[in-house]
Structure formats: C-alpha cells, structure tokens
Amino acid sequence: MHHIISIWTATARVHKHLPQLCDHSCPLKYCPFLYWCLVLALVGLSFSGAIGLTFLLLGCAIETYGVYWPMFVLIFYILSPIPTFISRRLSDDSESSNACRELAYFLTTGIVVSSFGLPIVLARTNTIKWGACGLVMTGNAVIFLTILGFFIVFGGGDDWSWEQW
C-alpha cells in the first residue's frame, strides 16, 4: 500500500510541475493521467482491505480456533472513520487545528485502541486462543492502515477527492 500512495503522490507532483506530460487542456479532475493513478490507488486499497479481512476470518474460521467472537471488531472498522467524516463536514478551515477535529481524532483513537484491546481481552479470558488473537490483530493493523490510506489518498479536499467517486 505504501508503494501505491507514493506512486499517487509522485504522479500528483509530476502533473503539477511537468505540464508536457498532460497538455492541461483537460481540467485537473478529468485528467486521464491522474484518473488512472486514482484507480490504481483504489484497487490497491481494496486489495489491502481484502487481505485484512482475510486475516480476521482466518482468526475465526481455522478449525483449531473455531470461535467467531473476534468478528465483533467489524463494528470498530465501521465506526472508526465516522468521527473524521463528521469533523471534516462541520469544520470550516482545513489548514489549522480546531476543537472539532481534535475531538474526532481522540474518538477515532479510542475506537482503534478498543479494536486492538478486544482480542487481547478475549484471549486473556480464554474465550479465543492466542493464535487467533494474533491473526485478528494483524487484520486490525492492515484494515486500519487501509482506512488511513483512504484518507491520505482521497481525503485531500482537492478537486479530485473521494467525493467524485
């Protein structure tokens, strides 16, 4: 995923500083060069999300583990971007920090820490095995890095943000 983000940022830099690659007769949001880079980023994020969910399902479905309690971390995956979406909708400025955005970061951090804490608590109470806990925590790391990558790639607020999809 890191390579896809670096390809995307390098493409954006090339498009801004080297106009000979694109004749700039097209608006920036309809530039085919950037369009394909964004499609590549979207495919990469989809692939990494699928890998993270595979780790989560392996932690539940392997026959020696066989307990589906770790699937409750899916709730945390759904809840984690919501405070950031709300704060970006409500805040006016995009350059400086404000109380709404800081509260959203605090709530998001609490949700992410809770998603890592749930498998540990389940493993300590012998509800799940430690191997399943490791697989679920690996899936958590991959999924949350995917969500972070989504915000980095598509949450810039430029003309070609995630809202056009």
C-alpha atoms as a PDB file:
ATOM      1  CA  MET A   1       0.000   0.000   0.000  1.00  0.00           C
ATOM      2  CA  HIS A   2       2.902   2.347   0.700  1.00  0.00           C
ATOM      3  CA  HIS A   3       4.053   1.990  -2.907  1.00  0.00           C
ATOM      4  CA  ILE A   4       0.626   2.920  -4.234  1.00  0.00           C
ATOM      5  CA  ILE A   5       0.491   6.039  -2.077  1.00  0.00           C
ATOM      6  CA  SER A   6       3.997   7.050  -3.164  1.00  0.00           C
ATOM      7  CA  ILE A   7       3.060   6.472  -6.821  1.00  0.00           C
ATOM      8  CA  TRP A   8      -0.008   8.634  -6.332  1.00  0.00           C
ATOM      9  CA  THR A   9       1.884  11.486  -4.679  1.00  0.00           C
ATOM     10  CA  ALA A  10       4.657  11.330  -7.275  1.00  0.00           C
ATOM     11  CA  THR A  11       2.037  11.450 -10.015  1.00  0.00           C
ATOM     12  CA  ALA A  12       0.408  14.485  -8.461  1.00  0.00           C
ATOM     13  CA  ARG A  13       3.792  16.219  -8.259  1.00  0.00           C
ATOM     14  CA  VAL A  14       4.629  15.353 -11.859  1.00  0.00           C
ATOM     15  CA  HIS A  15       1.258  16.640 -13.030  1.00  0.00           C
ATOM     16  CA  LYS A  16       1.728  19.942 -11.226  1.00  0.00           C
ATOM     17  CA  HIS A  17       5.303  20.606 -12.296  1.00  0.00           C
ATOM     18  CA  LEU A  18       5.704  18.991 -15.697  1.00  0.00           C
ATOM     19  CA  PRO A  19       2.917  20.148 -17.983  1.00  0.00           C
ATOM     20  CA  GLN A  20       4.376  18.369 -21.008  1.00  0.00           C
ATOM     21  CA  LEU A  21       3.005  15.019 -19.710  1.00  0.00           C
ATOM     22  CA  CYS A  22      -0.519  16.347 -19.866  1.00  0.00           C
ATOM     23  CA  ASP A  23      -1.369  19.313 -22.052  1.00  0.00           C
ATOM     24  CA  HIS A  24      -3.598  20.806 -19.309  1.00  0.00           C
ATOM     25  CA  SER A  25      -6.379  21.244 -21.826  1.00  0.00           C
ATOM     26  CA  CYS A  26      -8.371  18.971 -19.562  1.00  0.00           C
ATOM     27  CA  PRO A  27      -9.474  20.113 -16.110  1.00  0.00           C
ATOM     28  CA  LEU A  28      -7.429  18.564 -13.325  1.00  0.00           C
ATOM     29  CA  LYS A  29     -10.284  16.394 -12.097  1.00  0.00           C
ATOM     30  CA  TYR A  30     -10.777  14.894 -15.584  1.00  0.00           C
ATOM     31  CA  CYS A  31      -7.122  14.336 -16.411  1.00  0.00           C
ATOM     32  CA  PRO A  32      -6.684  10.755 -17.646  1.00  0.00           C
ATOM     33  CA  PHE A  33      -3.193  10.527 -16.144  1.00  0.00           C
ATOM     34  CA  LEU A  34      -4.447  11.268 -12.635  1.00  0.00           C
ATOM     35  CA  TYR A  35      -7.614   9.279 -13.183  1.00  0.00           C
ATOM     36  CA  TRP A  36      -5.676   6.057 -13.728  1.00  0.00           C
ATOM     37  CA  CYS A  37      -3.446   6.751 -10.749  1.00  0.00           C
ATOM     38  CA  LEU A  38      -6.519   7.172  -8.570  1.00  0.00           C
ATOM     39  CA  VAL A  39      -7.985   3.965  -9.975  1.00  0.00           C
ATOM     40  CA  LEU A  40      -4.712   2.212  -9.161  1.00  0.00           C
ATOM     41  CA  ALA A  41      -4.845   3.596  -5.619  1.00  0.00           C
ATOM     42  CA  LEU A  42      -8.442   2.445  -5.233  1.00  0.00           C
ATOM     43  CA  VAL A  43      -7.581  -1.062  -6.423  1.00  0.00           C
ATOM     44  CA  GLY A  44      -4.612  -1.199  -4.046  1.00  0.00           C
ATOM     45  CA  LEU A  45      -6.737  -0.088  -1.109  1.00  0.00           C
ATOM     46  CA  SER A  46      -9.375  -2.678  -1.999  1.00  0.00           C
ATOM     47  CA  PHE A  47      -6.742  -5.384  -2.158  1.00  0.00           C
ATOM     48  CA  SER A  48      -5.243  -4.452   1.208  1.00  0.00           C
ATOM     49  CA  GLY A  49      -8.716  -4.333   2.771  1.00  0.00           C
ATOM     50  CA  ALA A  50      -9.380  -7.823   1.461  1.00  0.00           C
ATOM     51  CA  ILE A  51      -6.094  -9.048   2.963  1.00  0.00           C
ATOM     52  CA  GLY A  52      -7.013  -7.552   6.344  1.00  0.00           C
ATOM     53  CA  LEU A  53     -10.440  -9.178   6.309  1.00  0.00           C
ATOM     54  CA  THR A  54      -8.796 -12.468   5.331  1.00  0.00           C
ATOM     55  CA  PHE A  55      -6.626 -12.317   8.453  1.00  0.00           C
ATOM     56  CA  LEU A  56      -9.704 -11.603  10.553  1.00  0.00           C
ATOM     57  CA  LEU A  57     -11.631 -14.506   9.054  1.00  0.00           C
ATOM     58  CA  LEU A  58      -8.655 -16.832   9.462  1.00  0.00           C
ATOM     59  CA  GLY A  59      -8.527 -15.914  13.139  1.00  0.00           C
ATOM     60  CA  CYS A  60     -12.134 -17.019  13.437  1.00  0.00           C
ATOM     61  CA  ALA A  61     -12.583 -19.850  10.966  1.00  0.00           C
ATOM     62  CA  ILE A  62      -9.483 -22.029  11.346  1.00  0.00           C
ATOM     63  CA  GLU A  63     -10.688 -25.281  12.822  1.00  0.00           C
ATOM     64  CA  THR A  64      -8.420 -25.175  15.869  1.00  0.00           C
ATOM     65  CA  TYR A  65      -9.736 -21.704  16.779  1.00  0.00           C
ATOM     66  CA  GLY A  66     -13.364 -22.088  15.662  1.00  0.00           C
ATOM     67  CA  VAL A  67     -14.815 -19.205  17.681  1.00  0.00           C
ATOM     68  CA  TYR A  68     -16.362 -16.215  15.959  1.00  0.00           C
ATOM     69  CA  TRP A  69     -16.201 -13.709  18.828  1.00  0.00           C
ATOM     70  CA  PRO A  70     -13.394 -11.713  17.163  1.00  0.00           C
ATOM     71  CA  MET A  71     -15.838 -10.743  14.390  1.00  0.00           C
ATOM     72  CA  PHE A  72     -17.082  -8.015  16.726  1.00  0.00           C
ATOM     73  CA  VAL A  73     -14.105  -5.907  15.628  1.00  0.00           C
ATOM     74  CA  LEU A  74     -16.059  -5.309  12.409  1.00  0.00           C
ATOM     75  CA  ILE A  75     -18.104  -2.831  14.437  1.00  0.00           C
ATOM     76  CA  PHE A  76     -14.912  -0.883  15.156  1.00  0.00           C
ATOM     77  CA  TYR A  77     -13.987  -0.916  11.450  1.00  0.00           C
ATOM     78  CA  ILE A  78     -17.329   0.685  10.633  1.00  0.00           C
ATOM     79  CA  LEU A  79     -17.193   3.209  13.478  1.00  0.00           C
ATOM     80  CA  SER A  80     -13.591   4.376  13.076  1.00  0.00           C
ATOM     81  CA  PRO A  81     -13.944   6.779  10.107  1.00  0.00           C
ATOM     82  CA  ILE A  82     -17.264   8.289  11.245  1.00  0.00           C
ATOM     83  CA  PRO A  83     -15.836  10.937  13.642  1.00  0.00           C
ATOM     84  CA  THR A  84     -13.403  12.119  10.975  1.00  0.00           C
ATOM     85  CA  PHE A  85     -16.150  12.321   8.346  1.00  0.00           C
ATOM     86  CA  ILE A  86     -18.308  14.360  10.714  1.00  0.00           C
ATOM     87  CA  SER A  87     -15.484  16.709  11.703  1.00  0.00           C
ATOM     88  CA  ARG A  88     -14.492  17.335   8.095  1.00  0.00           C
ATOM     89  CA  ARG A  89     -18.098  18.144   7.265  1.00  0.00           C
ATOM     90  CA  LEU A  90     -18.514  20.512  10.220  1.00  0.00           C
ATOM     91  CA  SER A  91     -15.148  22.283  10.265  1.00  0.00           C
ATOM     92  CA  ASP A  92     -14.598  25.261   8.002  1.00  0.00           C
ATOM     93  CA  ASP A  93     -10.833  25.544   7.874  1.00  0.00           C
ATOM     94  CA  SER A  94      -8.560  22.857   6.506  1.00  0.00           C
ATOM     95  CA  GLU A  95      -5.188  24.284   7.498  1.00  0.00           C
ATOM     96  CA  SER A  96      -5.235  24.750  11.260  1.00  0.00           C
ATOM     97  CA  SER A  97      -6.395  22.523  14.048  1.00  0.00           C
ATOM     98  CA  ASN A  98      -9.699  23.106  15.795  1.00  0.00           C
ATOM     99  CA  ALA A  99     -11.624  21.561  18.675  1.00  0.00           C
ATOM    100  CA  CYS A 100     -13.996  19.569  16.477  1.00  0.00           C
ATOM    101  CA  ARG A 101     -11.161  17.923  14.573  1.00  0.00           C
ATOM    102  CA  GLU A 102      -9.193  17.190  17.753  1.00  0.00           C
ATOM    103  CA  LEU A 103     -12.256  15.578  19.322  1.00  0.00           C
ATOM    104  CA  ALA A 104     -12.692  13.457  16.201  1.00  0.00           C
ATOM    105  CA  TYR A 105      -9.053  12.339  16.378  1.00  0.00           C
ATOM    106  CA  PHE A 106      -9.497  11.490  20.058  1.00  0.00           C
ATOM    107  CA  LEU A 107     -12.646   9.437  19.409  1.00  0.00           C
ATOM    108  CA  THR A 108     -11.047   7.688  16.443  1.00  0.00           C
ATOM    109  CA  THR A 109      -8.014   6.818  18.557  1.00  0.00           C
ATOM    110  CA  GLY A 110     -10.291   5.372  21.243  1.00  0.00           C
ATOM    111  CA  ILE A 111     -12.079   3.245  18.654  1.00  0.00           C
ATOM    112  CA  VAL A 112      -8.812   1.969  17.165  1.00  0.00           C
ATOM    113  CA  VAL A 113      -7.316   1.153  20.583  1.00  0.00           C
ATOM    114  CA  SER A 114     -10.537  -0.649  21.537  1.00  0.00           C
ATOM    115  CA  SER A 115     -10.343  -2.770  18.408  1.00  0.00           C
ATOM    116  CA  PHE A 116      -6.852  -3.876  19.382  1.00  0.00           C
ATOM    117  CA  GLY A 117      -7.873  -4.378  23.006  1.00  0.00           C
ATOM    118  CA  LEU A 118     -10.900  -6.597  22.336  1.00  0.00           C
ATOM    119  CA  PRO A 119      -8.918  -9.603  21.008  1.00  0.00           C
ATOM    120  CA  ILE A 120      -6.442  -9.290  23.882  1.00  0.00           C
ATOM    121  CA  VAL A 121      -9.239  -9.307  26.446  1.00  0.00           C
ATOM    122  CA  LEU A 122     -10.884 -12.261  24.705  1.00  0.00           C
ATOM    123  CA  ALA A 123      -7.578 -14.154  24.700  1.00  0.00           C
ATOM    124  CA  ARG A 124      -6.872 -13.363  28.362  1.00  0.00           C
ATOM    125  CA  THR A 125     -10.265 -14.751  29.371  1.00  0.00           C
ATOM    126  CA  ASN A 126      -9.605 -17.886  27.262  1.00  0.00           C
ATOM    127  CA  THR A 127     -12.578 -17.151  25.005  1.00  0.00           C
ATOM    128  CA  ILE A 128     -10.277 -17.283  21.990  1.00  0.00           C
ATOM    129  CA  LYS A 129      -6.787 -18.703  21.584  1.00  0.00           C
ATOM    130  CA  TRP A 130      -3.681 -16.548  21.365  1.00  0.00           C
ATOM    131  CA  GLY A 131      -3.050 -17.563  17.762  1.00  0.00           C
ATOM    132  CA  ALA A 132      -6.476 -16.256  16.808  1.00  0.00           C
ATOM    133  CA  CYS A 133      -5.688 -13.077  18.743  1.00  0.00           C
ATOM    134  CA  GLY A 134      -2.527 -12.602  16.692  1.00  0.00           C
ATOM    135  CA  LEU A 135      -4.347 -13.114  13.409  1.00  0.00           C
ATOM    136  CA  VAL A 136      -7.097 -10.690  14.405  1.00  0.00           C
ATOM    137  CA  MET A 137      -4.585  -8.060  15.499  1.00  0.00           C
ATOM    138  CA  THR A 138      -2.713  -8.457  12.200  1.00  0.00           C
ATOM    139  CA  GLY A 139      -6.000  -7.972  10.383  1.00  0.00           C
ATOM    140  CA  ASN A 140      -6.698  -4.913  12.533  1.00  0.00           C
ATOM    141  CA  ALA A 141      -3.368  -3.365  11.588  1.00  0.00           C
ATOM    142  CA  VAL A 142      -3.909  -3.980   7.876  1.00  0.00           C
ATOM    143  CA  ILE A 143      -7.501  -2.685   7.902  1.00  0.00           C
ATOM    144  CA  PHE A 144      -6.677   0.469   9.842  1.00  0.00           C
ATOM    145  CA  LEU A 145      -3.700   1.195   7.594  1.00  0.00           C
ATOM    146  CA  THR A 146      -6.083   0.774   4.664  1.00  0.00           C
ATOM    147  CA  ILE A 147      -8.520   3.258   6.210  1.00  0.00           C
ATOM    148  CA  LEU A 148      -5.620   5.670   6.812  1.00  0.00           C
ATOM    149  CA  GLY A 149      -4.525   5.208   3.206  1.00  0.00           C
ATOM    150  CA  PHE A 150      -8.036   6.018   2.050  1.00  0.00           C
ATOM    151  CA  PHE A 151      -7.967   9.296   3.962  1.00  0.00           C
ATOM    152  CA  ILE A 152      -4.499  10.143   2.650  1.00  0.00           C
ATOM    153  CA  VAL A 153      -5.335   9.394  -0.982  1.00  0.00           C
ATOM    154  CA  PHE A 154      -8.946  10.520  -1.261  1.00  0.00           C
ATOM    155  CA  GLY A 155      -9.392  12.908   1.645  1.00  0.00           C
ATOM    156  CA  GLY A 156      -7.254  15.814   0.496  1.00  0.00           C
ATOM    157  CA  GLY A 157     -10.159  18.108  -0.305  1.00  0.00           C
ATOM    158  CA  ASP A 158      -8.807  18.971  -3.764  1.00  0.00           C
ATOM    159  CA  ASP A 159     -10.811  18.826  -6.964  1.00  0.00           C
ATOM    160  CA  TRP A 160     -10.210  15.091  -7.252  1.00  0.00           C
ATOM    161  CA  SER A 161     -11.185  13.913  -3.772  1.00  0.00           C
ATOM    162  CA  TRP A 162     -13.127  10.784  -2.844  1.00  0.00           C
ATOM    163  CA  GLU A 163     -16.429  12.671  -3.233  1.00  0.00           C
ATOM    164  CA  GLN A 164     -16.296  12.388  -7.026  1.00  0.00           C
ATOM    165  CA  TRP A 165     -16.455   8.586  -6.846  1.00  0.00           C
END
